[in-house]
Amino acid sequence: MNIIHTLVIDGLRHNSDSYIFDGMSDIERIVKRFVDFFIALFAIVIFSPLFLICYIAVRREDGGPAIFKQERIGRFGRPFYIYKFRSMRIDAEKDGPALYQHERETRMTQIGKFLRQHHLDELPQLWNVVRGDMAFIGPRPERKFYIDQIMKHDSRYTFLYQIRPGVTSYATLYNGYTDTMEKMLRRLELDLYYLENRSWLFDAKILIKTFINIVFGKKF
């Protein structure tokens, strides 16, 4: 999508009942996209040895695919595939969609536990950022299965479609992983707050806080 097309769409959305105020201006959103693209591309090159180590470790444990992909809903309500290093058994969802259960989770592989604890399973999402499916900071993308359930309680979820989902988010820092509907609705409130108040400074604070949490081993 070229810059002119982006500006047209962003201009139209301010006049639609399907959108709410965005804390970033059109120019700020364009700059954010360019910065995300180049940082993600640089990070893929820098961390390529770590990518290789994770890839080999996952493959060697059970012989299954190292990369896990799953359909999520992104900007403008369009589906895309999110990429991660696989942390669960291949048949983890043989009985249908199921949320991650933290300490009660029994579907994790041994390598997967380590990757998840240190957030290394999220590394392939750098490619999602390069592609434009995601940004570094934004609401975490959800599956349609769970969006449909959230919408029964709060239809404002559609407001989140006006921005790219993120690798990390304001809601993730203060609400953690969502394994109940109560947490999903709380996450939505925080995501909407972020949307209406976001700025480069706000994004920088979220990114720094996320990095600190990862370094000190905080689970979220």
N, C-alpha and C. Protein backbone atom coordinates (compact mmCIF):
# COMPACT_ATOMS: atom_id res chain seq x y z
N MET A 1 0.84 -1.18 0.00
CA MET A 1 0.00 0.00 0.00
C MET A 1 0.88 1.24 0.00
N ASN A 2 0.70 2.17 -0.96
CA ASN A 2 1.55 3.34 -1.00
C ASN A 2 1.10 4.39 -0.01
N ILE A 3 1.92 5.43 0.15
CA ILE A 3 1.66 6.45 1.17
C ILE A 3 0.36 7.19 0.90
N ILE A 4 0.09 7.53 -0.38
CA ILE A 4 -1.13 8.27 -0.71
C ILE A 4 -2.36 7.46 -0.35
N HIS A 5 -2.33 6.15 -0.67
CA HIS A 5 -3.45 5.27 -0.35
C HIS A 5 -3.67 5.22 1.15
N THR A 6 -2.57 5.15 1.89
CA THR A 6 -2.66 5.10 3.35
C THR A 6 -3.31 6.37 3.89
N LEU A 7 -2.89 7.53 3.36
CA LEU A 7 -3.44 8.80 3.83
C LEU A 7 -4.93 8.91 3.52
N VAL A 8 -5.34 8.41 2.36
CA VAL A 8 -6.76 8.45 2.00
C VAL A 8 -7.59 7.62 2.97
N ILE A 9 -7.12 6.39 3.23
CA ILE A 9 -7.85 5.50 4.14
C ILE A 9 -7.89 6.09 5.54
N ASP A 10 -6.75 6.61 6.00
CA ASP A 10 -6.68 7.17 7.35
C ASP A 10 -7.57 8.42 7.46
N GLY A 11 -7.68 9.17 6.36
CA GLY A 11 -8.54 10.34 6.38
C GLY A 11 -10.01 9.96 6.44
N LEU A 12 -10.39 8.94 5.70
CA LEU A 12 -11.77 8.49 5.69
C LEU A 12 -12.21 7.96 7.05
N ARG A 13 -11.32 7.30 7.75
CA ARG A 13 -11.72 6.60 8.96
C ARG A 13 -12.13 7.56 10.06
N HIS A 14 -11.67 8.82 10.03
CA HIS A 14 -12.05 9.79 11.05
C HIS A 14 -13.52 10.19 10.91
N ASN A 15 -14.12 9.94 9.73
CA ASN A 15 -15.51 10.30 9.49
C ASN A 15 -16.45 9.10 9.60
N SER A 16 -15.94 8.00 10.08
CA SER A 16 -16.74 6.78 10.15
C SER A 16 -17.08 6.43 11.59
N ASP A 17 -18.30 5.91 11.79
CA ASP A 17 -18.71 5.48 13.12
C ASP A 17 -17.94 4.24 13.57
N SER A 18 -17.20 3.64 12.64
CA SER A 18 -16.45 2.43 12.96
C SER A 18 -15.09 2.74 13.57
N TYR A 19 -14.76 4.03 13.70
CA TYR A 19 -13.45 4.41 14.20
C TYR A 19 -13.56 5.40 15.34
N ILE A 20 -12.55 5.42 16.19
CA ILE A 20 -12.46 6.39 17.26
C ILE A 20 -11.17 7.18 17.09
N PHE A 21 -11.01 8.21 17.88
CA PHE A 21 -9.85 9.09 17.76
C PHE A 21 -8.55 8.30 17.94
N ASP A 22 -7.59 8.57 17.06
CA ASP A 22 -6.26 7.96 17.12
C ASP A 22 -5.29 9.02 17.63
N GLY A 23 -4.54 8.68 18.67
CA GLY A 23 -3.61 9.63 19.26
C GLY A 23 -2.49 10.06 18.32
N MET A 24 -2.22 9.28 17.28
CA MET A 24 -1.17 9.63 16.32
C MET A 24 -1.75 10.30 15.09
N SER A 25 -1.02 11.28 14.57
CA SER A 25 -1.42 11.94 13.34
C SER A 25 -1.06 11.06 12.14
N ASP A 26 -1.52 11.45 10.96
CA ASP A 26 -1.22 10.68 9.74
C ASP A 26 0.29 10.56 9.53
N ILE A 27 1.00 11.66 9.68
CA ILE A 27 2.45 11.66 9.48
C ILE A 27 3.14 10.78 10.51
N GLU A 28 2.70 10.85 11.76
CA GLU A 28 3.30 10.03 12.82
C GLU A 28 3.11 8.54 12.54
N ARG A 29 1.96 8.19 12.00
CA ARG A 29 1.70 6.78 11.67
C ARG A 29 2.61 6.31 10.55
N ILE A 30 2.83 7.16 9.55
CA ILE A 30 3.70 6.80 8.43
C ILE A 30 5.14 6.63 8.91
N VAL A 31 5.60 7.57 9.74
CA VAL A 31 6.97 7.48 10.27
C VAL A 31 7.13 6.24 11.13
N LYS A 32 6.10 5.95 11.95
CA LYS A 32 6.13 4.75 12.81
C LYS A 32 6.31 3.50 11.97
N ARG A 33 5.61 3.44 10.83
CA ARG A 33 5.71 2.26 9.96
C ARG A 33 7.12 2.11 9.39
N PHE A 34 7.71 3.21 8.92
CA PHE A 34 9.06 3.15 8.36
C PHE A 34 10.07 2.74 9.43
N VAL A 35 9.94 3.30 10.63
CA VAL A 35 10.87 2.97 11.72
C VAL A 35 10.74 1.51 12.10
N ASP A 36 9.50 1.02 12.23
CA ASP A 36 9.27 -0.39 12.55
C ASP A 36 9.92 -1.30 11.50
N PHE A 37 9.74 -0.95 10.23
CA PHE A 37 10.27 -1.76 9.14
C PHE A 37 11.79 -1.90 9.23
N PHE A 38 12.48 -0.79 9.36
CA PHE A 38 13.94 -0.82 9.34
C PHE A 38 14.52 -1.45 10.62
N ILE A 39 13.89 -1.20 11.77
CA ILE A 39 14.37 -1.81 13.01
C ILE A 39 14.18 -3.33 12.96
N ALA A 40 13.02 -3.77 12.47
CA ALA A 40 12.74 -5.21 12.38
C ALA A 40 13.70 -5.89 11.42
N LEU A 41 13.97 -5.25 10.29
CA LEU A 41 14.90 -5.82 9.31
C LEU A 41 16.30 -5.92 9.90
N PHE A 42 16.72 -4.88 10.60
CA PHE A 42 18.03 -4.87 11.24
C PHE A 42 18.11 -5.95 12.31
N ALA A 43 17.04 -6.10 13.10
CA ALA A 43 17.01 -7.09 14.18
C ALA A 43 17.08 -8.51 13.64
N ILE A 44 16.43 -8.78 12.52
CA ILE A 44 16.48 -10.12 11.91
C ILE A 44 17.91 -10.47 11.55
N VAL A 45 18.63 -9.51 10.99
CA VAL A 45 20.04 -9.75 10.62
C VAL A 45 20.89 -9.98 11.86
N ILE A 46 20.74 -9.12 12.86
CA ILE A 46 21.55 -9.20 14.08
C ILE A 46 21.29 -10.50 14.85
N PHE A 47 20.02 -10.88 14.92
CA PHE A 47 19.66 -12.06 15.72
C PHE A 47 19.57 -13.34 14.89
N SER A 48 20.05 -13.31 13.66
CA SER A 48 19.97 -14.50 12.81
C SER A 48 20.63 -15.73 13.43
N PRO A 49 21.78 -15.60 14.15
CA PRO A 49 22.34 -16.79 14.80
C PRO A 49 21.39 -17.36 15.87
N LEU A 50 20.69 -16.46 16.59
CA LEU A 50 19.74 -16.91 17.61
C LEU A 50 18.55 -17.59 16.95
N PHE A 51 18.11 -17.06 15.82
CA PHE A 51 17.03 -17.70 15.05
C PHE A 51 17.42 -19.14 14.71
N LEU A 52 18.66 -19.32 14.25
CA LEU A 52 19.13 -20.64 13.83
C LEU A 52 19.17 -21.60 15.01
N ILE A 53 19.67 -21.13 16.15
CA ILE A 53 19.74 -21.98 17.35
C ILE A 53 18.35 -22.42 17.78
N CYS A 54 17.41 -21.49 17.83
CA CYS A 54 16.04 -21.82 18.22
C CYS A 54 15.40 -22.79 17.24
N TYR A 55 15.65 -22.56 15.97
CA TYR A 55 15.09 -23.42 14.92
C TYR A 55 15.57 -24.86 15.09
N ILE A 56 16.88 -25.03 15.26
CA ILE A 56 17.46 -26.37 15.40
C ILE A 56 16.96 -27.04 16.68
N ALA A 57 16.88 -26.27 17.77
CA ALA A 57 16.45 -26.83 19.06
C ALA A 57 15.03 -27.37 18.99
N VAL A 58 14.13 -26.62 18.37
CA VAL A 58 12.74 -27.06 18.27
C VAL A 58 12.63 -28.29 17.38
N ARG A 59 13.34 -28.28 16.27
CA ARG A 59 13.29 -29.41 15.34
C ARG A 59 13.83 -30.69 15.97
N ARG A 60 14.89 -30.56 16.74
CA ARG A 60 15.54 -31.74 17.30
C ARG A 60 14.72 -32.40 18.40
N GLU A 61 13.88 -31.64 19.07
CA GLU A 61 13.15 -32.24 20.20
C GLU A 61 12.16 -33.30 19.76
N ASP A 62 11.33 -33.00 18.76
CA ASP A 62 10.32 -33.99 18.36
C ASP A 62 10.21 -34.16 16.85
N GLY A 63 11.09 -33.52 16.10
CA GLY A 63 11.08 -33.69 14.65
C GLY A 63 10.00 -32.93 13.92
N GLY A 64 9.16 -32.20 14.67
CA GLY A 64 8.08 -31.44 14.06
C GLY A 64 8.56 -30.11 13.50
N PRO A 65 7.67 -29.36 12.88
CA PRO A 65 8.05 -28.06 12.31
C PRO A 65 8.51 -27.09 13.39
N ALA A 66 9.52 -26.30 13.08
CA ALA A 66 10.04 -25.34 14.06
C ALA A 66 9.19 -24.08 14.11
N ILE A 67 8.63 -23.72 12.98
CA ILE A 67 7.83 -22.49 12.90
C ILE A 67 6.34 -22.83 12.98
N PHE A 68 5.67 -22.14 13.87
CA PHE A 68 4.23 -22.30 14.05
C PHE A 68 3.55 -21.07 13.46
N LYS A 69 2.55 -21.28 12.65
CA LYS A 69 1.80 -20.13 12.13
C LYS A 69 0.32 -20.32 12.43
N GLN A 70 -0.33 -19.19 12.68
CA GLN A 70 -1.74 -19.24 13.07
C GLN A 70 -2.44 -18.00 12.54
N GLU A 71 -3.65 -18.17 12.04
CA GLU A 71 -4.37 -17.02 11.50
C GLU A 71 -4.86 -16.11 12.62
N ARG A 72 -4.57 -14.84 12.47
CA ARG A 72 -5.06 -13.81 13.39
C ARG A 72 -5.74 -12.73 12.57
N ILE A 73 -6.44 -11.84 13.24
CA ILE A 73 -7.12 -10.74 12.58
C ILE A 73 -6.34 -9.45 12.81
N GLY A 74 -6.02 -8.76 11.73
CA GLY A 74 -5.18 -7.57 11.82
C GLY A 74 -5.88 -6.29 11.43
N ARG A 75 -5.10 -5.35 10.90
CA ARG A 75 -5.61 -4.04 10.53
C ARG A 75 -6.72 -4.16 9.48
N PHE A 76 -7.76 -3.33 9.62
CA PHE A 76 -8.93 -3.33 8.75
C PHE A 76 -9.70 -4.65 8.83
N GLY A 77 -9.45 -5.44 9.88
CA GLY A 77 -10.16 -6.70 10.05
C GLY A 77 -9.71 -7.79 9.11
N ARG A 78 -8.53 -7.60 8.50
CA ARG A 78 -8.03 -8.58 7.54
C ARG A 78 -7.25 -9.69 8.25
N PRO A 79 -7.47 -10.95 7.86
CA PRO A 79 -6.71 -12.05 8.46
C PRO A 79 -5.27 -12.08 7.94
N PHE A 80 -4.36 -12.52 8.79
CA PHE A 80 -2.97 -12.73 8.39
C PHE A 80 -2.42 -13.86 9.25
N TYR A 81 -1.28 -14.39 8.85
CA TYR A 81 -0.65 -15.45 9.63
C TYR A 81 0.44 -14.85 10.53
N ILE A 82 0.33 -15.14 11.82
CA ILE A 82 1.36 -14.74 12.77
C ILE A 82 2.34 -15.90 12.90
N TYR A 83 3.62 -15.58 13.02
CA TYR A 83 4.65 -16.61 13.08
C TYR A 83 5.33 -16.63 14.45
N LYS A 84 5.58 -17.85 14.93
CA LYS A 84 6.29 -18.05 16.20
C LYS A 84 7.14 -19.31 16.09
N PHE A 85 8.11 -19.43 16.98
CA PHE A 85 8.75 -20.73 17.13
C PHE A 85 7.78 -21.61 17.91
N ARG A 86 7.56 -22.81 17.43
CA ARG A 86 6.58 -23.70 18.06
C ARG A 86 7.02 -24.06 19.48
N SER A 87 6.11 -23.85 20.42
CA SER A 87 6.41 -24.16 21.82
C SER A 87 5.53 -25.27 22.38
N MET A 88 4.55 -25.72 21.59
CA MET A 88 3.64 -26.77 22.05
C MET A 88 3.74 -28.01 21.16
N ARG A 89 3.16 -29.09 21.65
CA ARG A 89 3.12 -30.31 20.86
C ARG A 89 2.33 -30.07 19.57
N ILE A 90 2.61 -30.87 18.57
CA ILE A 90 1.97 -30.71 17.28
C ILE A 90 0.45 -30.86 17.37
N ASP A 91 -0.01 -31.73 18.28
CA ASP A 91 -1.46 -31.99 18.41
C ASP A 91 -2.08 -31.16 19.53
N ALA A 92 -1.49 -30.01 19.86
CA ALA A 92 -1.93 -29.23 21.01
C ALA A 92 -3.40 -28.80 20.93
N GLU A 93 -3.90 -28.58 19.71
CA GLU A 93 -5.29 -28.13 19.59
C GLU A 93 -6.13 -29.12 18.78
N LYS A 94 -5.87 -30.39 19.01
CA LYS A 94 -6.63 -31.42 18.29
C LYS A 94 -8.11 -31.39 18.67
N ASP A 95 -8.42 -30.86 19.86
CA ASP A 95 -9.81 -30.79 20.32
C ASP A 95 -10.41 -29.41 20.12
N GLY A 96 -9.72 -28.55 19.36
CA GLY A 96 -10.23 -27.21 19.10
C GLY A 96 -9.41 -26.13 19.79
N PRO A 97 -9.70 -24.85 19.51
CA PRO A 97 -8.95 -23.74 20.11
C PRO A 97 -8.95 -23.79 21.63
N ALA A 98 -7.79 -23.54 22.22
CA ALA A 98 -7.66 -23.55 23.68
C ALA A 98 -6.62 -22.52 24.09
N LEU A 99 -6.92 -21.76 25.13
CA LEU A 99 -6.01 -20.72 25.61
C LEU A 99 -4.87 -21.32 26.41
N TYR A 100 -3.76 -20.61 26.40
CA TYR A 100 -2.58 -21.01 27.17
C TYR A 100 -2.90 -20.94 28.66
N GLN A 101 -2.54 -21.98 29.41
CA GLN A 101 -2.95 -22.11 30.81
C GLN A 101 -1.83 -21.86 31.83
N HIS A 102 -0.74 -21.23 31.41
CA HIS A 102 0.35 -20.89 32.32
C HIS A 102 0.88 -22.12 33.05
N GLU A 103 0.92 -22.06 34.40
CA GLU A 103 1.49 -23.16 35.20
C GLU A 103 0.71 -24.45 35.03
N ARG A 104 -0.56 -24.34 34.64
CA ARG A 104 -1.40 -25.54 34.47
C ARG A 104 -1.26 -26.15 33.08
N GLU A 105 -0.48 -25.50 32.22
CA GLU A 105 -0.36 -25.96 30.84
C GLU A 105 0.40 -27.28 30.74
N THR A 106 -0.17 -28.24 30.01
CA THR A 106 0.44 -29.57 29.86
C THR A 106 0.84 -29.87 28.41
N ARG A 107 0.61 -28.93 27.52
CA ARG A 107 0.85 -29.19 26.09
C ARG A 107 2.22 -28.71 25.63
N MET A 108 3.01 -28.12 26.52
CA MET A 108 4.29 -27.54 26.13
C MET A 108 5.35 -28.61 25.94
N THR A 109 6.26 -28.36 24.99
CA THR A 109 7.46 -29.18 24.87
C THR A 109 8.51 -28.62 25.84
N GLN A 110 9.56 -29.37 26.09
CA GLN A 110 10.59 -28.89 27.01
C GLN A 110 11.29 -27.64 26.45
N ILE A 111 11.66 -27.71 25.19
CA ILE A 111 12.27 -26.53 24.55
C ILE A 111 11.27 -25.39 24.51
N GLY A 112 10.01 -25.73 24.25
CA GLY A 112 8.96 -24.72 24.18
C GLY A 112 8.81 -23.95 25.48
N LYS A 113 8.93 -24.64 26.61
CA LYS A 113 8.84 -23.97 27.91
C LYS A 113 9.93 -22.92 28.05
N PHE A 114 11.13 -23.29 27.65
CA PHE A 114 12.26 -22.36 27.75
C PHE A 114 12.04 -21.16 26.82
N LEU A 115 11.63 -21.44 25.59
CA LEU A 115 11.40 -20.36 24.64
C LEU A 115 10.31 -19.41 25.13
N ARG A 116 9.23 -19.99 25.67
CA ARG A 116 8.11 -19.18 26.13
C ARG A 116 8.51 -18.35 27.35
N GLN A 117 9.25 -18.95 28.28
CA GLN A 117 9.66 -18.24 29.48
C GLN A 117 10.52 -17.03 29.17
N HIS A 118 11.34 -17.15 28.12
CA HIS A 118 12.25 -16.05 27.76
C HIS A 118 11.76 -15.26 26.54
N HIS A 119 10.52 -15.54 26.13
CA HIS A 119 9.86 -14.82 25.02
C HIS A 119 10.60 -14.97 23.69
N LEU A 120 11.41 -16.01 23.58
CA LEU A 120 12.13 -16.25 22.33
C LEU A 120 11.21 -16.80 21.25
N ASP A 121 10.08 -17.37 21.65
CA ASP A 121 9.14 -17.91 20.67
C ASP A 121 8.55 -16.80 19.80
N GLU A 122 8.62 -15.54 20.27
CA GLU A 122 8.04 -14.42 19.54
C GLU A 122 8.98 -13.87 18.46
N LEU A 123 10.23 -14.30 18.41
CA LEU A 123 11.20 -13.73 17.48
C LEU A 123 10.73 -13.72 16.02
N PRO A 124 10.11 -14.79 15.52
CA PRO A 124 9.68 -14.76 14.11
C PRO A 124 8.68 -13.66 13.77
N GLN A 125 8.08 -13.05 14.79
CA GLN A 125 7.15 -11.96 14.52
C GLN A 125 7.85 -10.72 13.97
N LEU A 126 9.18 -10.71 14.05
CA LEU A 126 9.93 -9.64 13.37
C LEU A 126 9.61 -9.64 11.89
N TRP A 127 9.41 -10.84 11.33
CA TRP A 127 9.05 -10.95 9.92
C TRP A 127 7.66 -10.38 9.67
N ASN A 128 6.73 -10.58 10.63
CA ASN A 128 5.41 -9.97 10.52
C ASN A 128 5.50 -8.44 10.49
N VAL A 129 6.44 -7.90 11.26
CA VAL A 129 6.63 -6.44 11.28
C VAL A 129 7.18 -5.97 9.94
N VAL A 130 8.16 -6.69 9.41
CA VAL A 130 8.72 -6.33 8.10
C VAL A 130 7.63 -6.35 7.03
N ARG A 131 6.79 -7.36 7.05
CA ARG A 131 5.73 -7.49 6.05
C ARG A 131 4.65 -6.42 6.18
N GLY A 132 4.54 -5.83 7.37
CA GLY A 132 3.50 -4.84 7.59
C GLY A 132 2.24 -5.40 8.22
N ASP A 133 2.26 -6.69 8.56
CA ASP A 133 1.12 -7.30 9.26
C ASP A 133 0.99 -6.73 10.67
N MET A 134 2.15 -6.42 11.27
CA MET A 134 2.19 -6.00 12.66
C MET A 134 3.13 -4.80 12.83
N ALA A 135 3.01 -4.17 13.99
CA ALA A 135 3.94 -3.13 14.43
C ALA A 135 4.64 -3.65 15.67
N PHE A 136 5.67 -2.95 16.13
CA PHE A 136 6.29 -3.37 17.39
C PHE A 136 5.33 -3.14 18.55
N ILE A 137 4.62 -2.00 18.54
CA ILE A 137 3.68 -1.68 19.61
C ILE A 137 2.28 -1.55 19.04
N GLY A 138 1.33 -2.24 19.66
CA GLY A 138 -0.06 -2.19 19.23
C GLY A 138 -0.83 -3.28 19.93
N PRO A 139 -2.13 -3.30 19.83
CA PRO A 139 -2.93 -4.36 20.47
C PRO A 139 -2.49 -5.74 19.97
N ARG A 140 -2.37 -6.69 20.86
CA ARG A 140 -1.99 -8.03 20.43
C ARG A 140 -3.10 -8.61 19.54
N PRO A 141 -2.71 -9.23 18.42
CA PRO A 141 -3.73 -9.77 17.50
C PRO A 141 -4.40 -11.01 18.09
N GLU A 142 -5.68 -11.15 17.82
CA GLU A 142 -6.45 -12.26 18.36
C GLU A 142 -7.01 -13.11 17.24
N ARG A 143 -7.39 -14.32 17.58
CA ARG A 143 -8.05 -15.21 16.63
C ARG A 143 -9.53 -14.84 16.50
N LYS A 144 -10.09 -15.06 15.32
CA LYS A 144 -11.49 -14.72 15.10
C LYS A 144 -12.39 -15.49 16.07
N PHE A 145 -12.02 -16.72 16.40
CA PHE A 145 -12.81 -17.53 17.32
C PHE A 145 -13.06 -16.78 18.63
N TYR A 146 -12.01 -16.14 19.15
CA TYR A 146 -12.14 -15.42 20.42
C TYR A 146 -12.68 -14.01 20.23
N ILE A 147 -12.41 -13.39 19.08
CA ILE A 147 -12.97 -12.07 18.81
C ILE A 147 -14.49 -12.15 18.79
N ASP A 148 -15.02 -13.21 18.18
CA ASP A 148 -16.48 -13.38 18.13
C ASP A 148 -17.06 -13.45 19.54
N GLN A 149 -16.34 -14.10 20.46
CA GLN A 149 -16.82 -14.18 21.85
C GLN A 149 -16.73 -12.83 22.55
N ILE A 150 -15.64 -12.11 22.31
CA ILE A 150 -15.48 -10.77 22.91
C ILE A 150 -16.57 -9.84 22.41
N MET A 151 -16.88 -9.91 21.12
CA MET A 151 -17.86 -9.01 20.51
C MET A 151 -19.26 -9.19 21.12
N LYS A 152 -19.54 -10.35 21.64
CA LYS A 152 -20.83 -10.58 22.30
C LYS A 152 -20.95 -9.74 23.57
N HIS A 153 -19.80 -9.41 24.16
CA HIS A 153 -19.79 -8.62 25.39
C HIS A 153 -19.52 -7.14 25.12
N ASP A 154 -18.69 -6.86 24.11
CA ASP A 154 -18.29 -5.47 23.85
C ASP A 154 -17.93 -5.31 22.37
N SER A 155 -18.81 -4.64 21.61
CA SER A 155 -18.61 -4.50 20.16
C SER A 155 -17.52 -3.49 19.81
N ARG A 156 -16.97 -2.80 20.81
CA ARG A 156 -15.92 -1.82 20.54
C ARG A 156 -14.63 -2.47 20.06
N TYR A 157 -14.56 -3.77 20.09
CA TYR A 157 -13.34 -4.44 19.61
C TYR A 157 -13.01 -4.03 18.18
N THR A 158 -14.02 -3.74 17.37
CA THR A 158 -13.78 -3.38 15.97
C THR A 158 -12.96 -2.10 15.84
N PHE A 159 -12.95 -1.24 16.86
CA PHE A 159 -12.14 -0.03 16.82
C PHE A 159 -10.65 -0.36 16.68
N LEU A 160 -10.27 -1.51 17.20
CA LEU A 160 -8.85 -1.89 17.15
C LEU A 160 -8.40 -2.20 15.73
N TYR A 161 -9.35 -2.42 14.83
CA TYR A 161 -8.98 -2.73 13.45
C TYR A 161 -8.34 -1.56 12.73
N GLN A 162 -8.43 -0.36 13.29
CA GLN A 162 -7.88 0.80 12.59
C GLN A 162 -6.37 0.93 12.71
N ILE A 163 -5.73 0.10 13.54
CA ILE A 163 -4.27 0.14 13.65
C ILE A 163 -3.70 -1.27 13.56
N ARG A 164 -2.41 -1.33 13.26
CA ARG A 164 -1.74 -2.63 13.17
C ARG A 164 -1.61 -3.24 14.56
N PRO A 165 -1.83 -4.54 14.68
CA PRO A 165 -1.56 -5.21 15.96
C PRO A 165 -0.07 -5.19 16.26
N GLY A 166 0.29 -5.42 17.52
CA GLY A 166 1.69 -5.29 17.91
C GLY A 166 2.32 -6.56 18.44
N VAL A 167 3.65 -6.57 18.42
CA VAL A 167 4.43 -7.65 19.03
C VAL A 167 4.28 -7.58 20.54
N THR A 168 4.22 -6.36 21.07
CA THR A 168 3.93 -6.16 22.48
C THR A 168 2.93 -5.02 22.58
N SER A 169 2.35 -4.86 23.77
CA SER A 169 1.29 -3.86 23.90
C SER A 169 1.23 -3.30 25.32
N TYR A 170 0.57 -2.20 25.44
CA TYR A 170 0.31 -1.59 26.75
C TYR A 170 -0.50 -2.55 27.61
N ALA A 171 -1.48 -3.20 27.00
CA ALA A 171 -2.33 -4.14 27.74
C ALA A 171 -1.55 -5.34 28.24
N THR A 172 -0.60 -5.83 27.44
CA THR A 172 0.21 -6.98 27.86
C THR A 172 0.99 -6.66 29.13
N LEU A 173 1.51 -5.44 29.22
CA LEU A 173 2.30 -5.05 30.39
C LEU A 173 1.47 -5.03 31.66
N TYR A 174 0.22 -4.58 31.56
CA TYR A 174 -0.58 -4.36 32.76
C TYR A 174 -1.76 -5.32 32.93
N ASN A 175 -1.94 -6.21 31.97
CA ASN A 175 -3.02 -7.19 32.08
C ASN A 175 -2.52 -8.62 31.92
N GLY A 176 -1.29 -8.77 31.41
CA GLY A 176 -0.71 -10.10 31.24
C GLY A 176 -1.39 -10.90 30.15
N TYR A 177 -1.17 -12.20 30.18
CA TYR A 177 -1.76 -13.08 29.17
C TYR A 177 -3.24 -13.28 29.48
N THR A 178 -4.07 -13.23 28.45
CA THR A 178 -5.52 -13.33 28.66
C THR A 178 -5.99 -14.77 28.54
N ASP A 179 -6.36 -15.36 29.66
CA ASP A 179 -6.85 -16.74 29.65
C ASP A 179 -8.29 -16.84 30.16
N THR A 180 -8.96 -15.68 30.35
CA THR A 180 -10.37 -15.66 30.73
C THR A 180 -11.06 -14.52 29.99
N MET A 181 -12.38 -14.58 29.89
CA MET A 181 -13.11 -13.50 29.23
C MET A 181 -12.96 -12.20 30.01
N GLU A 182 -12.92 -12.27 31.31
CA GLU A 182 -12.73 -11.06 32.12
C GLU A 182 -11.44 -10.34 31.74
N LYS A 183 -10.36 -11.11 31.57
CA LYS A 183 -9.08 -10.51 31.19
C LYS A 183 -9.12 -9.99 29.75
N MET A 184 -9.86 -10.68 28.88
CA MET A 184 -9.98 -10.22 27.50
C MET A 184 -10.67 -8.87 27.44
N LEU A 185 -11.71 -8.68 28.25
CA LEU A 185 -12.44 -7.42 28.26
C LEU A 185 -11.60 -6.31 28.91
N ARG A 186 -10.83 -6.68 29.92
CA ARG A 186 -9.92 -5.72 30.54
C ARG A 186 -8.84 -5.32 29.53
N ARG A 187 -8.33 -6.28 28.78
CA ARG A 187 -7.34 -5.99 27.75
C ARG A 187 -7.90 -5.04 26.71
N LEU A 188 -9.16 -5.24 26.33
CA LEU A 188 -9.79 -4.36 25.35
C LEU A 188 -9.82 -2.92 25.85
N GLU A 189 -10.18 -2.71 27.12
CA GLU A 189 -10.20 -1.36 27.70
C GLU A 189 -8.82 -0.72 27.61
N LEU A 190 -7.78 -1.48 27.94
CA LEU A 190 -6.41 -0.95 27.89
C LEU A 190 -5.97 -0.68 26.45
N ASP A 191 -6.36 -1.55 25.53
CA ASP A 191 -6.01 -1.35 24.12
C ASP A 191 -6.68 -0.09 23.56
N LEU A 192 -7.92 0.15 23.94
CA LEU A 192 -8.62 1.35 23.49
C LEU A 192 -7.99 2.60 24.08
N TYR A 193 -7.56 2.50 25.33
CA TYR A 193 -6.86 3.63 25.95
C TYR A 193 -5.57 3.93 25.19
N TYR A 194 -4.84 2.86 24.84
CA TYR A 194 -3.61 3.05 24.08
C TYR A 194 -3.90 3.72 22.73
N LEU A 195 -4.90 3.24 22.02
CA LEU A 195 -5.24 3.78 20.71
C LEU A 195 -5.50 5.28 20.77
N GLU A 196 -6.25 5.71 21.76
CA GLU A 196 -6.63 7.12 21.85
C GLU A 196 -5.52 8.00 22.40
N ASN A 197 -4.52 7.40 23.03
CA ASN A 197 -3.47 8.19 23.66
C ASN A 197 -2.07 7.90 23.12
N ARG A 198 -1.97 7.07 22.10
CA ARG A 198 -0.65 6.65 21.65
C ARG A 198 0.15 7.79 21.04
N SER A 199 1.44 7.68 21.18
CA SER A 199 2.39 8.65 20.64
C SER A 199 3.73 7.95 20.54
N TRP A 200 4.70 8.61 19.91
CA TRP A 200 6.04 8.01 19.85
C TRP A 200 6.60 7.81 21.25
N LEU A 201 6.37 8.78 22.14
CA LEU A 201 6.88 8.68 23.50
C LEU A 201 6.21 7.53 24.25
N PHE A 202 4.89 7.40 24.08
CA PHE A 202 4.15 6.31 24.71
C PHE A 202 4.69 4.97 24.22
N ASP A 203 4.90 4.85 22.90
CA ASP A 203 5.44 3.62 22.34
C ASP A 203 6.82 3.31 22.91
N ALA A 204 7.66 4.33 23.03
CA ALA A 204 9.01 4.14 23.56
C ALA A 204 8.96 3.63 25.00
N LYS A 205 8.06 4.17 25.80
CA LYS A 205 7.91 3.73 27.20
C LYS A 205 7.48 2.27 27.27
N ILE A 206 6.54 1.89 26.40
CA ILE A 206 6.06 0.50 26.37
C ILE A 206 7.19 -0.44 25.97
N LEU A 207 7.95 -0.04 24.95
CA LEU A 207 9.05 -0.87 24.46
C LEU A 207 10.12 -1.05 25.53
N ILE A 208 10.48 0.03 26.22
CA ILE A 208 11.49 -0.03 27.28
C ILE A 208 11.00 -0.89 28.44
N LYS A 209 9.75 -0.70 28.84
CA LYS A 209 9.17 -1.48 29.95
C LYS A 209 9.12 -2.97 29.58
N THR A 210 8.78 -3.27 28.33
CA THR A 210 8.74 -4.67 27.88
C THR A 210 10.13 -5.28 27.96
N PHE A 211 11.14 -4.54 27.49
CA PHE A 211 12.52 -5.02 27.51
C PHE A 211 12.98 -5.28 28.96
N ILE A 212 12.66 -4.37 29.86
CA ILE A 212 13.04 -4.54 31.27
C ILE A 212 12.37 -5.78 31.86
N ASN A 213 11.09 -5.97 31.55
CA ASN A 213 10.37 -7.14 32.07
C ASN A 213 10.99 -8.44 31.57
N ILE A 214 11.38 -8.46 30.29
CA ILE A 214 11.99 -9.66 29.72
C ILE A 214 13.34 -9.94 30.39
N VAL A 215 14.14 -8.90 30.55
CA VAL A 215 15.48 -9.04 31.17
C VAL A 215 15.37 -9.60 32.58
N PHE A 216 14.36 -9.13 33.33
CA PHE A 216 14.21 -9.57 34.72
C PHE A 216 13.30 -10.78 34.85
N GLY A 217 12.94 -11.37 33.73
CA GLY A 217 12.20 -12.64 33.76
C GLY A 217 10.76 -12.57 34.17
N LYS A 218 10.12 -11.40 34.02
CA LYS A 218 8.72 -11.29 34.38
C LYS A 218 7.87 -12.05 33.38
N LYS A 219 6.89 -12.81 33.86
CA LYS A 219 6.02 -13.57 32.99
C LYS A 219 4.81 -12.72 32.62
N PHE A 220 4.50 -12.72 31.32
CA PHE A 220 3.31 -12.01 30.85
C PHE A 220 2.87 -12.56 29.51
